[in-house]
Protein backbone atom coordinates (compact mmCIF):
# COMPACT_ATOMS: atom_id res chain seq x y z
CA MET A 1 -8.87 23.88 23.96
CA TYR A 2 -6.78 26.48 25.76
CA LEU A 3 -3.40 25.45 27.13
CA SER A 4 -1.28 27.59 29.40
CA ASN A 5 2.38 28.05 28.57
CA GLU A 6 3.30 25.53 31.26
CA SER A 7 0.88 22.94 29.86
CA HIS A 8 2.09 23.57 26.34
CA LEU A 9 5.68 23.11 27.48
CA PHE A 10 4.76 19.89 29.30
CA TYR A 11 3.09 18.43 26.22
CA SER A 12 5.96 19.57 23.99
CA LEU A 13 8.50 17.92 26.30
CA PHE A 14 6.36 14.79 26.55
CA PHE A 15 6.22 14.41 22.76
CA LEU A 16 9.91 15.24 22.44
CA LEU A 17 10.80 12.51 24.93
CA LEU A 18 8.43 10.11 23.18
CA SER A 19 10.08 10.81 19.83
CA ILE A 20 13.56 10.42 21.33
CA ALA A 21 12.54 7.03 22.74
CA PHE A 22 11.33 5.97 19.29
CA ILE A 23 14.37 7.29 17.44
CA ASP A 24 16.61 5.71 20.06
CA THR A 25 15.37 2.24 19.13
CA LEU A 26 14.75 2.54 15.38
CA ASN A 27 18.19 1.20 14.35
CA ALA A 28 17.83 -1.65 16.84
CA MET A 29 14.35 -2.49 15.53
CA ARG A 30 15.70 -2.54 11.97
CA PHE A 31 18.61 -4.72 13.09
CA VAL A 32 16.26 -7.26 14.72
CA THR A 33 13.99 -7.18 11.66
CA ALA A 34 17.02 -7.98 9.48
CA VAL A 35 17.96 -10.86 11.81
CA ALA A 36 14.40 -12.20 11.49
CA GLU A 37 14.52 -11.98 7.69
CA LYS A 38 17.83 -13.82 7.53
CA GLU A 39 17.25 -16.39 10.26
CA LYS A 40 16.60 -20.02 9.49
CA GLU A 41 16.52 -21.26 13.10
CA GLY A 42 12.87 -20.55 13.96
CA GLY A 43 13.35 -17.39 16.01
CA VAL A 44 16.27 -18.50 18.19
CA LEU A 45 18.61 -15.80 16.89
CA VAL A 46 15.92 -13.12 17.05
CA GLU A 47 15.41 -13.98 20.71
CA ARG A 48 19.15 -13.93 21.47
CA VAL A 49 19.77 -10.63 19.66
CA SER A 50 16.68 -9.04 21.22
CA ARG A 51 17.80 -10.15 24.67
CA GLU A 52 21.29 -8.69 24.16
CA LEU A 53 19.86 -5.38 22.96
CA TRP A 54 17.45 -5.29 25.90
CA LYS A 55 20.33 -5.90 28.33
CA ARG A 56 22.39 -3.11 26.75
CA LYS A 57 19.51 -0.64 26.88
CA TRP A 58 17.94 -1.41 30.25
CA ARG A 59 20.44 -3.33 32.37
CA THR A 60 23.81 -1.77 31.51
CA HIS A 61 22.47 1.50 30.04
CA GLN A 62 24.58 1.24 26.92
CA ASP A 63 23.92 2.55 23.45
CA ILE A 64 21.80 0.55 20.98
CA THR A 65 21.75 3.09 18.14
CA GLN A 66 25.22 2.89 16.63
CA PRO A 67 26.51 0.14 14.33
CA ALA A 68 29.30 -0.68 16.81
CA SER A 69 26.70 -1.28 19.53
CA LEU A 70 24.57 -3.45 17.27
CA THR A 71 27.70 -5.36 16.26
CA GLU A 72 28.60 -6.03 19.89
CA ALA A 73 25.07 -7.22 20.67
CA GLY A 74 25.08 -9.48 17.61
CA LEU A 75 28.43 -11.00 18.54
CA LYS A 76 27.31 -11.60 22.13
CA ALA A 77 24.19 -13.29 20.73
CA GLY A 78 26.41 -15.77 18.89
CA LEU A 79 26.51 -14.32 15.39
CA SER A 80 29.80 -14.35 13.48
CA ASP A 81 31.57 -11.17 12.34
CA ASN A 82 30.56 -11.84 8.73
CA VAL A 83 26.90 -12.44 9.59
CA VAL A 84 26.75 -9.30 11.75
CA GLU A 85 28.18 -7.22 8.88
CA GLU A 86 25.68 -8.76 6.49
CA ILE A 87 22.80 -8.00 8.88
CA LEU A 88 23.99 -4.42 9.42
CA THR A 89 23.97 -3.87 5.65
CA LEU A 90 20.57 -5.53 5.33
CA SER A 91 19.15 -3.46 8.22
CA ILE A 92 19.54 -0.18 6.29
CA SER A 93 17.99 -1.56 3.09
CA GLN A 94 14.60 -0.46 1.82
CA PRO A 95 13.03 -3.95 2.07
CA ILE A 96 13.83 -4.07 5.81
CA ARG A 97 12.49 -0.54 6.31
CA ASP A 98 9.31 -1.55 4.49
CA LYS A 99 8.99 -4.78 6.52
CA LEU A 100 9.32 -2.90 9.82
CA LYS A 101 6.73 -0.35 8.65
CA SER A 102 4.37 -3.16 7.69
CA VAL A 103 4.74 -4.93 11.04
CA THR A 104 4.25 -1.62 12.85
CA GLN A 105 1.08 -0.90 10.87
CA GLU A 106 -0.24 -4.37 11.71
CA ALA A 107 0.43 -3.74 15.42
CA LEU A 108 -1.40 -0.42 15.20
CA LYS A 109 -4.31 -2.13 13.44
CA HIS A 110 -4.66 -4.36 16.49
CA LYS A 111 -4.40 -1.28 18.76
CA CYS A 112 -1.08 -2.38 20.27
CA PHE A 113 -0.32 -0.20 23.26
CA ASP A 114 2.50 -1.86 25.21
CA PHE A 115 4.54 -5.03 25.50
CA PRO A 116 4.24 -7.93 25.59
CA PHE A 117 1.39 -7.56 23.12
CA ILE A 118 0.60 -10.84 21.40
CA VAL A 119 -1.83 -11.61 18.59
CA CYS A 120 -2.94 -15.23 18.22
CA HIS A 121 -4.72 -16.23 15.03
CA VAL A 122 -7.33 -18.87 15.90
CA ASN A 123 -9.85 -20.18 13.36
CA GLY A 124 -9.15 -17.24 11.07
CA LYS A 125 -9.72 -14.63 13.79
CA ALA A 126 -7.17 -12.52 15.61
CA LYS A 127 -7.28 -12.70 19.39
CA VAL A 128 -5.24 -10.07 21.22
CA PHE A 129 -3.49 -10.55 24.56
CA PHE A 130 -1.48 -8.15 26.68
CA GLY A 131 0.81 -9.07 29.55
CA SER A 132 3.05 -11.95 30.46
CA ASP A 133 0.38 -13.24 32.84
CA ARG A 134 -1.86 -14.17 29.88
CA PHE A 135 0.07 -17.17 28.54
CA GLU A 136 -2.30 -19.68 30.14
CA LEU A 137 -5.27 -17.90 28.56
CA MET A 138 -3.50 -17.85 25.17
CA ALA A 139 -2.85 -21.59 25.44
CA TYR A 140 -6.56 -22.13 26.10
CA PHE A 141 -7.58 -20.15 23.01
CA ILE A 142 -5.13 -21.85 20.67
CA GLY A 143 -6.08 -25.30 21.96
CA ASN A 144 -2.87 -26.24 23.75
CA TYR A 145 -4.23 -26.06 27.26
CA ASN A 146 -3.44 -29.09 29.43
């Protein structure tokens, strides 16, 4: 396929921006993965930390890549100083990197393309849903539809 210089530049810029978006969130994704590994409250802390990181990134346009930013988000989510430090250390460990890779590979296996992307396992089969308007349909498939 022939691409003009302008097209080539467009695609190069597109992939550059795509990679920046990914790199921009990698530390945050590792931080949330570490919270999930450490948490014993059934996802409550993961939700709180995720919400604080989302607010920083999209509402107040603050950094989510640096340890100080992750620390602030963790503290706002209700974690103690000691727990945040522990999670920061855990987030750069190889087991957390491997866990995030594994979860990412699973998402790709299901052809994840955007969020919210939810996989429900029903009777040994994976059923994939996209969009926040699909919760009623998910409830039907998992048998909790009233």
